[in-house]
Amino acid sequence: MFKAGQITFNAGHSTIDCTVRGLSRDTATIEVLSTSGIPNQFKLAIAADALSRACRITAKADNRIEVAFT
C-alpha cells in the first residue's frame, strides 16, 4: 500500500506529509522523512479515503512509525 497521508498536530497548525504503508481498522504504518518533532499523539488524514483519525505512536524506527487509532 502506498497512500499519501498527512500528520496534523498543534491544533491543526502543524502538518507533516507522510506515506501510509499499511492500514488496518486499528493501526497504521507510516513512513516520514524524519520522525523528529512528531508528537506521540496526532491526527492522521488520508484524503483519498476521506479518513481522519486520532492516533498514538506505538513504535518508531528510522523513518517509520507504527500507530494505533484512539
N, C-alpha and C. Protein backbone atom coordinates (compact mmCIF):
# COMPACT_ATOMS: atom_id res chain seq x y z
N MET A 1 0.84 -1.17 0.00
CA MET A 1 0.00 0.00 0.00
C MET A 1 0.89 1.23 0.00
N PHE A 2 0.57 2.16 -0.84
CA PHE A 2 1.24 3.46 -0.88
C PHE A 2 0.16 4.52 -1.00
N LYS A 3 -0.19 5.16 0.10
CA LYS A 3 -1.19 6.22 0.08
C LYS A 3 -0.60 7.48 0.68
N ALA A 4 -0.89 8.60 0.06
CA ALA A 4 -0.44 9.88 0.61
C ALA A 4 -1.24 10.20 1.85
N GLY A 5 -0.54 10.64 2.88
CA GLY A 5 -1.21 11.00 4.12
C GLY A 5 -0.63 12.28 4.69
N GLN A 6 -1.25 12.72 5.76
CA GLN A 6 -0.78 13.93 6.42
C GLN A 6 -0.96 13.78 7.92
N ILE A 7 0.11 14.08 8.64
CA ILE A 7 0.11 14.10 10.10
C ILE A 7 -0.20 15.52 10.52
N THR A 8 -1.19 15.68 11.40
CA THR A 8 -1.60 17.01 11.85
C THR A 8 -1.55 17.06 13.38
N PHE A 9 -0.96 18.13 13.92
CA PHE A 9 -0.90 18.31 15.37
C PHE A 9 -0.83 19.79 15.67
N ASN A 10 -0.70 20.14 16.94
CA ASN A 10 -0.64 21.55 17.35
C ASN A 10 -1.92 22.27 16.94
N ALA A 11 -3.07 21.66 17.27
CA ALA A 11 -4.40 22.20 16.96
C ALA A 11 -4.56 22.49 15.47
N GLY A 12 -3.94 21.66 14.63
CA GLY A 12 -4.08 21.82 13.19
C GLY A 12 -3.12 22.81 12.56
N HIS A 13 -2.27 23.43 13.38
CA HIS A 13 -1.34 24.44 12.86
C HIS A 13 -0.05 23.84 12.29
N SER A 14 0.23 22.57 12.62
CA SER A 14 1.43 21.91 12.13
C SER A 14 1.05 20.66 11.35
N THR A 15 1.65 20.49 10.17
CA THR A 15 1.38 19.31 9.36
C THR A 15 2.68 18.75 8.79
N ILE A 16 2.70 17.44 8.61
CA ILE A 16 3.84 16.75 8.02
C ILE A 16 3.29 15.75 7.01
N ASP A 17 3.78 15.80 5.78
CA ASP A 17 3.36 14.83 4.77
C ASP A 17 3.97 13.48 5.09
N CYS A 18 3.23 12.42 4.77
CA CYS A 18 3.71 11.07 5.02
C CYS A 18 3.16 10.12 3.97
N THR A 19 3.68 8.91 3.97
CA THR A 19 3.18 7.84 3.12
C THR A 19 2.68 6.73 4.02
N VAL A 20 1.44 6.33 3.81
CA VAL A 20 0.86 5.25 4.59
C VAL A 20 1.21 3.94 3.89
N ARG A 21 1.94 3.07 4.60
CA ARG A 21 2.42 1.80 4.03
C ARG A 21 1.51 0.63 4.39
N GLY A 22 0.81 0.76 5.49
CA GLY A 22 -0.10 -0.30 5.93
C GLY A 22 -1.24 0.32 6.71
N LEU A 23 -2.43 -0.25 6.56
CA LEU A 23 -3.60 0.32 7.23
C LEU A 23 -4.56 -0.80 7.59
N SER A 24 -4.97 -0.84 8.85
CA SER A 24 -6.00 -1.77 9.29
C SER A 24 -7.05 -0.97 10.06
N ARG A 25 -8.01 -1.67 10.59
CA ARG A 25 -9.07 -0.98 11.33
C ARG A 25 -8.52 -0.25 12.55
N ASP A 26 -7.50 -0.82 13.19
CA ASP A 26 -7.00 -0.28 14.45
C ASP A 26 -5.60 0.33 14.41
N THR A 27 -4.83 0.07 13.32
CA THR A 27 -3.44 0.51 13.27
C THR A 27 -3.05 1.00 11.88
N ALA A 28 -1.89 1.64 11.83
CA ALA A 28 -1.32 2.06 10.54
C ALA A 28 0.20 2.09 10.66
N THR A 29 0.85 1.89 9.53
CA THR A 29 2.30 2.04 9.42
C THR A 29 2.54 3.22 8.50
N ILE A 30 3.32 4.18 8.98
CA ILE A 30 3.53 5.45 8.28
C ILE A 30 5.01 5.64 8.03
N GLU A 31 5.34 6.15 6.87
CA GLU A 31 6.74 6.49 6.55
C GLU A 31 6.84 8.00 6.41
N VAL A 32 7.85 8.58 7.05
CA VAL A 32 8.11 10.02 7.01
C VAL A 32 9.58 10.26 6.69
N LEU A 33 9.91 11.49 6.32
CA LEU A 33 11.32 11.81 6.07
C LEU A 33 12.13 11.73 7.36
N SER A 34 11.52 12.18 8.46
CA SER A 34 12.17 12.14 9.77
C SER A 34 11.11 12.05 10.85
N THR A 35 11.36 11.26 11.87
CA THR A 35 10.41 11.16 12.99
C THR A 35 10.63 12.28 14.01
N SER A 36 11.68 13.05 13.83
CA SER A 36 12.00 14.14 14.75
C SER A 36 10.88 15.17 14.76
N GLY A 37 10.46 15.56 15.94
CA GLY A 37 9.45 16.60 16.09
C GLY A 37 8.01 16.13 15.99
N ILE A 38 7.81 14.85 15.74
CA ILE A 38 6.44 14.34 15.67
C ILE A 38 6.02 13.93 17.08
N PRO A 39 4.90 14.49 17.57
CA PRO A 39 4.47 14.18 18.93
C PRO A 39 3.92 12.75 19.04
N ASN A 40 3.76 12.27 20.26
CA ASN A 40 3.27 10.91 20.48
C ASN A 40 1.80 10.73 20.07
N GLN A 41 1.04 11.83 20.06
CA GLN A 41 -0.36 11.76 19.63
C GLN A 41 -0.60 12.82 18.57
N PHE A 42 -1.33 12.43 17.52
CA PHE A 42 -1.63 13.35 16.42
C PHE A 42 -2.81 12.81 15.62
N LYS A 43 -3.22 13.55 14.61
CA LYS A 43 -4.26 13.07 13.70
C LYS A 43 -3.61 12.65 12.39
N LEU A 44 -4.07 11.53 11.87
CA LEU A 44 -3.62 11.05 10.57
C LEU A 44 -4.76 11.21 9.59
N ALA A 45 -4.49 11.89 8.49
CA ALA A 45 -5.50 12.09 7.45
C ALA A 45 -5.03 11.43 6.16
N ILE A 46 -5.95 10.72 5.51
CA ILE A 46 -5.71 10.13 4.20
C ILE A 46 -6.83 10.64 3.29
N ALA A 47 -6.51 11.64 2.49
CA ALA A 47 -7.53 12.32 1.67
C ALA A 47 -8.22 11.35 0.71
N ALA A 48 -7.48 10.44 0.10
CA ALA A 48 -8.05 9.51 -0.88
C ALA A 48 -9.15 8.63 -0.28
N ASP A 49 -9.07 8.38 1.03
CA ASP A 49 -10.06 7.55 1.71
C ASP A 49 -11.02 8.36 2.56
N ALA A 50 -10.91 9.69 2.52
CA ALA A 50 -11.71 10.58 3.36
C ALA A 50 -11.61 10.15 4.83
N LEU A 51 -10.39 9.83 5.25
CA LEU A 51 -10.14 9.34 6.60
C LEU A 51 -9.39 10.39 7.41
N SER A 52 -9.82 10.60 8.63
CA SER A 52 -9.09 11.44 9.58
C SER A 52 -9.29 10.81 10.95
N ARG A 53 -8.20 10.28 11.53
CA ARG A 53 -8.30 9.57 12.80
C ARG A 53 -7.23 10.04 13.76
N ALA A 54 -7.62 10.15 15.01
CA ALA A 54 -6.66 10.42 16.08
C ALA A 54 -5.89 9.15 16.34
N CYS A 55 -4.60 9.29 16.62
CA CYS A 55 -3.78 8.11 16.86
C CYS A 55 -2.64 8.43 17.83
N ARG A 56 -2.02 7.36 18.30
CA ARG A 56 -0.84 7.49 19.17
C ARG A 56 0.24 6.56 18.65
N ILE A 57 1.47 6.97 18.82
CA ILE A 57 2.61 6.19 18.36
C ILE A 57 2.81 4.98 19.27
N THR A 58 2.97 3.80 18.66
CA THR A 58 3.26 2.59 19.43
C THR A 58 4.71 2.14 19.21
N ALA A 59 5.32 2.55 18.08
CA ALA A 59 6.72 2.19 17.81
C ALA A 59 7.29 3.14 16.76
N LYS A 60 8.61 3.40 16.88
CA LYS A 60 9.34 4.24 15.91
C LYS A 60 10.62 3.52 15.55
N ALA A 61 10.97 3.57 14.27
CA ALA A 61 12.26 3.03 13.83
C ALA A 61 12.65 3.74 12.55
N ASP A 62 13.82 4.36 12.56
CA ASP A 62 14.31 5.10 11.40
C ASP A 62 13.26 6.10 10.92
N ASN A 63 12.70 5.87 9.74
CA ASN A 63 11.72 6.82 9.22
C ASN A 63 10.31 6.21 9.18
N ARG A 64 10.10 5.18 9.98
CA ARG A 64 8.77 4.52 10.05
C ARG A 64 8.17 4.70 11.43
N ILE A 65 6.86 4.86 11.44
CA ILE A 65 6.10 5.00 12.68
C ILE A 65 4.94 4.02 12.63
N GLU A 66 4.75 3.31 13.73
CA GLU A 66 3.58 2.44 13.89
C GLU A 66 2.64 3.19 14.83
N VAL A 67 1.36 3.26 14.45
CA VAL A 67 0.39 3.96 15.29
C VAL A 67 -0.83 3.08 15.55
N ALA A 68 -1.50 3.37 16.65
CA ALA A 68 -2.79 2.76 16.98
C ALA A 68 -3.81 3.88 17.01
N PHE A 69 -4.97 3.64 16.42
CA PHE A 69 -6.02 4.65 16.41
C PHE A 69 -6.68 4.69 17.78
N THR A 70 -6.99 5.90 18.23
CA THR A 70 -7.60 6.08 19.56
C THR A 70 -9.05 6.51 19.44
